[in-house]
C-alpha atoms as a PDB file:
ATOM      1  CA  MET A   1     -75.775 -35.200 -32.714  1.00  0.00           C
ATOM      2  CA  ILE A   2     -76.255 -37.618 -29.847  1.00  0.00           C
ATOM      3  CA  ARG A   3     -78.515 -36.263 -27.173  1.00  0.00           C
ATOM      4  CA  ARG A   4     -79.739 -37.279 -23.746  1.00  0.00           C
ATOM      5  CA  PRO A   5     -81.129 -37.648 -20.869  1.00  0.00           C
ATOM      6  CA  PHE A   6     -81.770 -41.058 -22.342  1.00  0.00           C
ATOM      7  CA  PHE A   7     -78.952 -43.610 -22.021  1.00  0.00           C
ATOM      8  CA  THR A   8     -76.703 -43.756 -25.078  1.00  0.00           C
ATOM      9  CA  LEU A   9     -74.337 -46.612 -25.864  1.00  0.00           C
ATOM     10  CA  PHE A  10     -71.561 -46.560 -28.418  1.00  0.00           C
ATOM     11  CA  SER A  11     -70.151 -49.965 -29.299  1.00  0.00           C
ATOM     12  CA  ILE A  12     -67.017 -49.864 -31.449  1.00  0.00           C
ATOM     13  CA  SER A  13     -66.603 -53.094 -33.383  1.00  0.00           C
ATOM     14  CA  ALA A  14     -63.080 -54.461 -33.750  1.00  0.00           C
ATOM     15  CA  LEU A  15     -61.298 -55.005 -37.043  1.00  0.00           C
ATOM     16  CA  PHE A  16     -59.063 -58.063 -36.889  1.00  0.00           C
ATOM     17  CA  LEU A  17     -56.294 -58.205 -39.472  1.00  0.00           C
ATOM     18  CA  SER A  18     -53.707 -60.864 -40.103  1.00  0.00           C
ATOM     19  CA  ALA A  19     -51.234 -58.220 -41.253  1.00  0.00           C
ATOM     20  CA  CYS A  20     -50.409 -54.709 -40.070  1.00  0.00           C
ATOM     21  CA  VAL A  21     -53.206 -52.160 -40.195  1.00  0.00           C
ATOM     22  CA  GLN A  22     -52.885 -49.945 -43.244  1.00  0.00           C
ATOM     23  CA  HIS A  23     -52.474 -46.224 -42.705  1.00  0.00           C
ATOM     24  CA  LYS A  24     -55.579 -45.336 -44.724  1.00  0.00           C
ATOM     25  CA  GLU A  25     -57.720 -47.412 -42.359  1.00  0.00           C
ATOM     26  CA  LEU A  26     -56.717 -45.153 -39.461  1.00  0.00           C
ATOM     27  CA  LEU A  27     -57.792 -41.932 -41.167  1.00  0.00           C
ATOM     28  CA  ASN A  28     -61.043 -40.075 -40.542  1.00  0.00           C
ATOM     29  CA  PHE A  29     -63.066 -38.143 -43.141  1.00  0.00           C
ATOM     30  CA  ASN A  30     -61.049 -39.409 -46.108  1.00  0.00           C
ATOM     31  CA  GLU A  31     -63.972 -40.749 -48.152  1.00  0.00           C
ATOM     32  CA  GLY A  32     -66.798 -39.132 -50.074  1.00  0.00           C
ATOM     33  CA  ALA A  33     -67.126 -35.754 -51.751  1.00  0.00           C
ATOM     34  CA  PRO A  34     -64.581 -33.063 -50.802  1.00  0.00           C
ATOM     35  CA  PHE A  35     -65.497 -30.719 -47.954  1.00  0.00           C
ATOM     36  CA  PRO A  36     -67.237 -27.509 -49.085  1.00  0.00           C
ATOM     37  CA  THR A  37     -64.986 -24.474 -49.258  1.00  0.00           C
ATOM     38  CA  GLY A  38     -67.481 -22.140 -47.590  1.00  0.00           C
ATOM     39  CA  ALA A  39     -69.300 -22.211 -44.263  1.00  0.00           C
ATOM     40  CA  GLN A  40     -72.193 -24.670 -44.055  1.00  0.00           C
ATOM     41  CA  PRO A  41     -75.289 -24.503 -41.825  1.00  0.00           C
ATOM     42  CA  ILE A  42     -75.391 -27.008 -38.972  1.00  0.00           C
ATOM     43  CA  PRO A  43     -78.329 -29.442 -39.240  1.00  0.00           C
ATOM     44  CA  VAL A  44     -81.127 -28.625 -36.805  1.00  0.00           C
ATOM     45  CA  VAL A  45     -81.518 -31.218 -34.055  1.00  0.00           C
ATOM     46  CA  SER A  46     -84.880 -31.781 -32.411  1.00  0.00           C
ATOM     47  CA  GLU A  47     -85.179 -30.332 -28.926  1.00  0.00           C
ATOM     48  CA  LEU A  48     -84.375 -32.623 -26.034  1.00  0.00           C
ATOM     49  CA  ARG A  49     -87.378 -33.272 -23.802  1.00  0.00           C
ATOM     50  CA  ILE A  50     -87.778 -34.484 -20.244  1.00  0.00           C
ATOM     51  CA  GLN A  51     -88.798 -38.113 -19.765  1.00  0.00           C
ATOM     52  CA  PRO A  52     -89.245 -40.588 -16.876  1.00  0.00           C
ATOM     53  CA  ASP A  53     -86.092 -41.451 -14.888  1.00  0.00           C
ATOM     54  CA  ASP A  54     -84.478 -38.098 -15.671  1.00  0.00           C
ATOM     55  CA  LEU A  55     -82.669 -36.571 -12.715  1.00  0.00           C
ATOM     56  CA  LEU A  56     -83.183 -32.811 -12.587  1.00  0.00           C
ATOM     57  CA  GLU A  57     -81.707 -30.054 -10.488  1.00  0.00           C
ATOM     58  CA  ILE A  58     -84.183 -27.246  -9.892  1.00  0.00           C
ATOM     59  CA  GLY A  59     -82.901 -24.019  -8.377  1.00  0.00           C
ATOM     60  CA  ILE A  60     -85.087 -21.091  -7.300  1.00  0.00           C
ATOM     61  CA  TYR A  61     -83.645 -17.599  -6.879  1.00  0.00           C
ATOM     62  CA  ALA A  62     -85.320 -14.567  -5.295  1.00  0.00           C
ATOM     63  CA  GLU A  63     -84.485 -11.198  -3.787  1.00  0.00           C
ATOM     64  CA  ASP A  64     -85.924 -12.302  -0.442  1.00  0.00           C
ATOM     65  CA  PRO A  65     -84.111 -15.413   0.921  1.00  0.00           C
ATOM     66  CA  LEU A  66     -86.992 -16.275   3.244  1.00  0.00           C
ATOM     67  CA  ALA A  67     -89.383 -16.439   0.305  1.00  0.00           C
ATOM     68  CA  VAL A  68     -87.346 -19.275  -1.196  1.00  0.00           C
ATOM     69  CA  ALA A  69     -87.146 -21.382   1.979  1.00  0.00           C
ATOM     70  CA  PRO A  70     -90.494 -23.219   1.621  1.00  0.00           C
ATOM     71  CA  PHE A  71     -89.471 -24.457  -1.820  1.00  0.00           C
ATOM     72  CA  THR A  72     -86.254 -26.184  -0.769  1.00  0.00           C
ATOM     73  CA  LEU A  73     -86.080 -29.785   0.405  1.00  0.00           C
ATOM     74  CA  GLN A  74     -83.500 -28.839   3.038  1.00  0.00           C
ATOM     75  CA  GLY A  75     -85.459 -26.011   4.620  1.00  0.00           C
ATOM     76  CA  VAL A  76     -84.240 -22.591   5.685  1.00  0.00           C
ATOM     77  CA  GLY A  77     -82.360 -23.873   8.705  1.00  0.00           C
ATOM     78  CA  LEU A  78     -80.039 -26.040   6.622  1.00  0.00           C
ATOM     79  CA  ARG A  79     -79.044 -23.474   4.009  1.00  0.00           C
ATOM     80  CA  THR A  80     -75.467 -22.210   4.094  1.00  0.00           C
ATOM     81  CA  LYS A  81     -74.512 -18.553   3.909  1.00  0.00           C
ATOM     82  CA  GLU A  82     -73.560 -18.997   0.263  1.00  0.00           C
ATOM     83  CA  GLU A  83     -77.025 -20.461  -0.482  1.00  0.00           C
ATOM     84  CA  ASN A  84     -79.055 -17.769   1.242  1.00  0.00           C
ATOM     85  CA  ASN A  85     -81.232 -17.060  -1.773  1.00  0.00           C
ATOM     86  CA  VAL A  86     -81.176 -20.258  -3.809  1.00  0.00           C
ATOM     87  CA  SER A  87     -82.920 -23.581  -3.499  1.00  0.00           C
ATOM     88  CA  GLY A  88     -81.011 -26.185  -5.521  1.00  0.00           C
ATOM     89  CA  ASN A  89     -82.560 -29.631  -5.201  1.00  0.00           C
ATOM     90  CA  GLN A  90     -82.499 -32.889  -7.120  1.00  0.00           C
ATOM     91  CA  TYR A  91     -85.709 -34.480  -8.361  1.00  0.00           C
ATOM     92  CA  LEU A  92     -86.172 -37.822 -10.121  1.00  0.00           C
ATOM     93  CA  VAL A  93     -88.956 -37.799 -12.711  1.00  0.00           C
ATOM     94  CA  ASP A  94     -91.220 -40.749 -11.916  1.00  0.00           C
ATOM     95  CA  GLN A  95     -92.786 -43.200 -14.369  1.00  0.00           C
ATOM     96  CA  THR A  96     -95.807 -40.927 -14.802  1.00  0.00           C
ATOM     97  CA  GLY A  97     -93.486 -38.116 -15.904  1.00  0.00           C
ATOM     98  CA  SER A  98     -94.020 -36.067 -12.756  1.00  0.00           C
ATOM     99  CA  ILE A  99     -92.169 -34.817  -9.674  1.00  0.00           C
ATOM    100  CA  GLU A 100     -93.406 -33.835  -6.212  1.00  0.00           C
ATOM    101  CA  PHE A 101     -92.299 -30.268  -5.507  1.00  0.00           C
ATOM    102  CA  PRO A 102     -92.541 -28.543  -2.097  1.00  0.00           C
ATOM    103  CA  VAL A 103     -95.665 -26.378  -1.777  1.00  0.00           C
ATOM    104  CA  LEU A 104     -96.489 -26.682  -5.496  1.00  0.00           C
ATOM    105  CA  GLY A 105     -97.256 -30.404  -5.273  1.00  0.00           C
ATOM    106  CA  LYS A 106     -97.213 -32.767  -8.241  1.00  0.00           C
ATOM    107  CA  ILE A 107     -95.950 -31.199 -11.471  1.00  0.00           C
ATOM    108  CA  GLN A 108     -96.051 -32.944 -14.852  1.00  0.00           C
ATOM    109  CA  LEU A 109     -92.748 -32.440 -16.698  1.00  0.00           C
ATOM    110  CA  ALA A 110     -92.463 -35.304 -19.213  1.00  0.00           C
ATOM    111  CA  GLY A 111     -92.541 -34.031 -22.777  1.00  0.00           C
ATOM    112  CA  LEU A 112     -91.356 -30.528 -21.847  1.00  0.00           C
ATOM    113  CA  THR A 113     -88.064 -28.977 -22.849  1.00  0.00           C
ATOM    114  CA  ILE A 114     -85.871 -27.532 -20.105  1.00  0.00           C
ATOM    115  CA  GLU A 115     -86.999 -24.044 -21.108  1.00  0.00           C
ATOM    116  CA  GLN A 116     -90.678 -25.033 -20.920  1.00  0.00           C
ATOM    117  CA  ALA A 117     -90.160 -26.642 -17.514  1.00  0.00           C
ATOM    118  CA  ARG A 118     -88.463 -23.479 -16.263  1.00  0.00           C
ATOM    119  CA  ASP A 119     -91.351 -21.316 -17.495  1.00  0.00           C
ATOM    120  CA  THR A 120     -93.865 -23.691 -15.870  1.00  0.00           C
ATOM    121  CA  PHE A 121     -92.191 -23.249 -12.485  1.00  0.00           C
ATOM    122  CA  LYS A 122     -91.921 -19.490 -12.859  1.00  0.00           C
ATOM    123  CA  LEU A 123     -95.626 -19.216 -13.596  1.00  0.00           C
ATOM    124  CA  LYS A 124     -96.587 -21.321 -10.563  1.00  0.00           C
ATOM    125  CA  LEU A 125     -94.115 -19.540  -8.241  1.00  0.00           C
ATOM    126  CA  GLN A 126     -95.372 -16.044  -9.063  1.00  0.00           C
ATOM    127  CA  ARG A 127     -98.215 -16.645  -6.597  1.00  0.00           C
ATOM    128  CA  TYR A 128     -95.662 -16.893  -3.779  1.00  0.00           C
ATOM    129  CA  ILE A 129     -92.450 -15.126  -4.855  1.00  0.00           C
ATOM    130  CA  ALA A 130     -91.961 -11.736  -6.475  1.00  0.00           C
ATOM    131  CA  ARG A 131     -89.974 -11.989  -9.734  1.00  0.00           C
ATOM    132  CA  PRO A 132     -88.701 -15.561  -9.234  1.00  0.00           C
ATOM    133  CA  ILE A 133     -85.777 -16.837 -11.242  1.00  0.00           C
ATOM    134  CA  VAL A 134     -85.722 -20.572 -11.940  1.00  0.00           C
ATOM    135  CA  ASN A 135     -82.890 -22.749 -13.185  1.00  0.00           C
ATOM    136  CA  VAL A 136     -83.557 -26.315 -14.379  1.00  0.00           C
ATOM    137  CA  ARG A 137     -80.859 -28.661 -15.663  1.00  0.00           C
ATOM    138  CA  TRP A 138     -80.216 -32.367 -16.190  1.00  0.00           C
ATOM    139  CA  LEU A 139     -77.877 -34.187 -13.826  1.00  0.00           C
ATOM    140  CA  ASN A 140     -77.838 -37.580 -15.541  1.00  0.00           C
ATOM    141  CA  PHE A 141     -76.784 -36.804 -19.102  1.00  0.00           C
ATOM    142  CA  LYS A 142     -74.456 -39.717 -19.773  1.00  0.00           C
ATOM    143  CA  PHE A 143     -73.300 -42.097 -22.457  1.00  0.00           C
ATOM    144  CA  THR A 144     -71.153 -45.221 -22.638  1.00  0.00           C
ATOM    145  CA  VAL A 145     -68.349 -46.004 -25.078  1.00  0.00           C
ATOM    146  CA  LEU A 146     -67.307 -49.649 -25.389  1.00  0.00           C
ATOM    147  CA  GLY A 147     -64.993 -51.618 -27.658  1.00  0.00           C
ATOM    148  CA  GLU A 148     -61.757 -50.682 -29.414  1.00  0.00           C
ATOM    149  CA  VAL A 149     -61.172 -47.276 -27.824  1.00  0.00           C
ATOM    150  CA  SER A 150     -58.398 -46.159 -25.504  1.00  0.00           C
ATOM    151  CA  HIS A 151     -60.638 -45.509 -22.491  1.00  0.00           C
ATOM    152  CA  PRO A 152     -63.945 -47.438 -22.597  1.00  0.00           C
ATOM    153  CA  ALA A 153     -66.196 -46.112 -19.861  1.00  0.00           C
ATOM    154  CA  THR A 154     -69.437 -44.342 -19.007  1.00  0.00           C
ATOM    155  CA  TYR A 155     -69.144 -40.561 -19.169  1.00  0.00           C
ATOM    156  CA  THR A 156     -71.357 -37.963 -17.491  1.00  0.00           C
ATOM    157  CA  LEU A 157     -71.491 -34.426 -18.899  1.00  0.00           C
ATOM    158  CA  GLN A 158     -72.716 -31.048 -17.690  1.00  0.00           C
ATOM    159  CA  GLU A 159     -73.971 -30.329 -21.210  1.00  0.00           C
ATOM    160  CA  ASN A 160     -77.152 -31.866 -22.597  1.00  0.00           C
ATOM    161  CA  SER A 161     -75.768 -32.922 -25.971  1.00  0.00           C
ATOM    162  CA  VAL A 162     -72.719 -34.638 -27.427  1.00  0.00           C
ATOM    163  CA  THR A 163     -71.686 -35.554 -30.963  1.00  0.00           C
ATOM    164  CA  VAL A 164     -70.294 -38.927 -32.004  1.00  0.00           C
ATOM    165  CA  LEU A 165     -66.905 -37.291 -32.546  1.00  0.00           C
ATOM    166  CA  GLU A 166     -66.929 -35.758 -29.063  1.00  0.00           C
ATOM    167  CA  ALA A 167     -67.908 -39.091 -27.504  1.00  0.00           C
ATOM    168  CA  VAL A 168     -65.129 -40.978 -29.278  1.00  0.00           C
ATOM    169  CA  GLY A 169     -62.671 -38.190 -28.432  1.00  0.00           C
ATOM    170  CA  LEU A 170     -63.521 -38.375 -24.728  1.00  0.00           C
ATOM    171  CA  ALA A 171     -62.824 -42.111 -24.886  1.00  0.00           C
ATOM    172  CA  GLY A 172     -59.336 -41.416 -26.229  1.00  0.00           C
ATOM    173  CA  ASP A 173     -60.147 -42.200 -29.880  1.00  0.00           C
ATOM    174  CA  LEU A 174     -60.263 -45.607 -31.521  1.00  0.00           C
ATOM    175  CA  THR A 175     -57.273 -47.900 -31.257  1.00  0.00           C
ATOM    176  CA  ASN A 176     -55.520 -49.171 -34.388  1.00  0.00           C
ATOM    177  CA  TYR A 177     -57.876 -52.167 -34.350  1.00  0.00           C
ATOM    178  CA  GLY A 178     -61.103 -50.169 -34.240  1.00  0.00           C
ATOM    179  CA  ASN A 179     -63.185 -50.289 -37.412  1.00  0.00           C
ATOM    180  CA  ARG A 180     -63.884 -46.642 -38.216  1.00  0.00           C
ATOM    181  CA  LYS A 181     -66.378 -47.644 -40.890  1.00  0.00           C
ATOM    182  CA  ASN A 182     -68.690 -49.499 -38.538  1.00  0.00           C
ATOM    183  CA  ILE A 183     -69.544 -47.715 -35.276  1.00  0.00           C
ATOM    184  CA  LEU A 184     -72.746 -49.005 -33.731  1.00  0.00           C
ATOM    185  CA  ILE A 185     -74.903 -46.488 -31.848  1.00  0.00           C
ATOM    186  CA  ILE A 186     -77.669 -47.693 -29.534  1.00  0.00           C
ATOM    187  CA  ARG A 187     -80.046 -45.055 -28.216  1.00  0.00           C
ATOM    188  CA  GLU A 188     -82.863 -45.511 -25.707  1.00  0.00           C
ATOM    189  CA  GLN A 189     -85.644 -42.961 -25.432  1.00  0.00           C
ATOM    190  CA  ASP A 190     -89.279 -42.992 -24.277  1.00  0.00           C
ATOM    191  CA  GLY A 191     -89.344 -46.767 -23.857  1.00  0.00           C
ATOM    192  CA  THR A 192     -87.898 -47.526 -27.298  1.00  0.00           C
ATOM    193  CA  ARG A 193     -84.462 -48.617 -28.495  1.00  0.00           C
ATOM    194  CA  ALA A 194     -82.997 -47.523 -31.843  1.00  0.00           C
ATOM    195  CA  PHE A 195     -79.874 -48.740 -33.643  1.00  0.00           C
ATOM    196  CA  GLY A 196     -77.710 -46.978 -36.196  1.00  0.00           C
ATOM    197  CA  ARG A 197     -74.230 -47.181 -37.693  1.00  0.00           C
ATOM    198  CA  VAL A 198     -71.760 -44.414 -38.462  1.00  0.00           C
ATOM    199  CA  ASN A 199     -68.743 -44.377 -40.785  1.00  0.00           C
ATOM    200  CA  LEU A 200     -66.129 -41.969 -39.432  1.00  0.00           C
ATOM    201  CA  GLN A 201     -64.182 -42.120 -42.686  1.00  0.00           C
ATOM    202  CA  ASP A 202     -67.127 -40.731 -44.641  1.00  0.00           C
ATOM    203  CA  ARG A 203     -67.194 -36.912 -44.750  1.00  0.00           C
ATOM    204  CA  ASN A 204     -70.997 -37.063 -44.740  1.00  0.00           C
ATOM    205  CA  VAL A 205     -70.821 -37.927 -41.025  1.00  0.00           C
ATOM    206  CA  PHE A 206     -71.117 -34.172 -40.384  1.00  0.00           C
ATOM    207  CA  ALA A 207     -74.509 -34.141 -42.069  1.00  0.00           C
END
């Protein structure tokens, strides 16, 4: 499972052949032990946490529209009829892991999951708003696919996770010259860069 808000780069290395590509080299999941016949548990992936340079959308909902107004960057006068009880604003997490939020001031978010960030806001807002509802989501979950794929590009998703198979599928799959045994994954998170390789022909890729 490839997760973000950190920037993820897939680089598909090319396989140059002097003759025609053999059919077996274009197949996925054709190596290794046979697939199990019964259902298998999905490996648990560590929770994604907020880090510097994440772009977040934070929306506040309340029964009283006027109670929400102080917590929106636009202010009550700029809200449309459809937005009369929601403050949806974008915040960039700074290098200290914090954001400046109207009324509440500086809030430390780095290291928190989205759920923990939501609960943090709800707790702080209860002093000002009765029964507040808070929605927090990432706006910059993206990854890049380069190399021997049909549509190399950078892709931005509404979700906060993507598998290698989903990423390659969004890029239109590998071309006939893409080496399915040697996909390089470069992942950046918390100031570090990690490298790994995936073999799409090996059935163990699902593990």
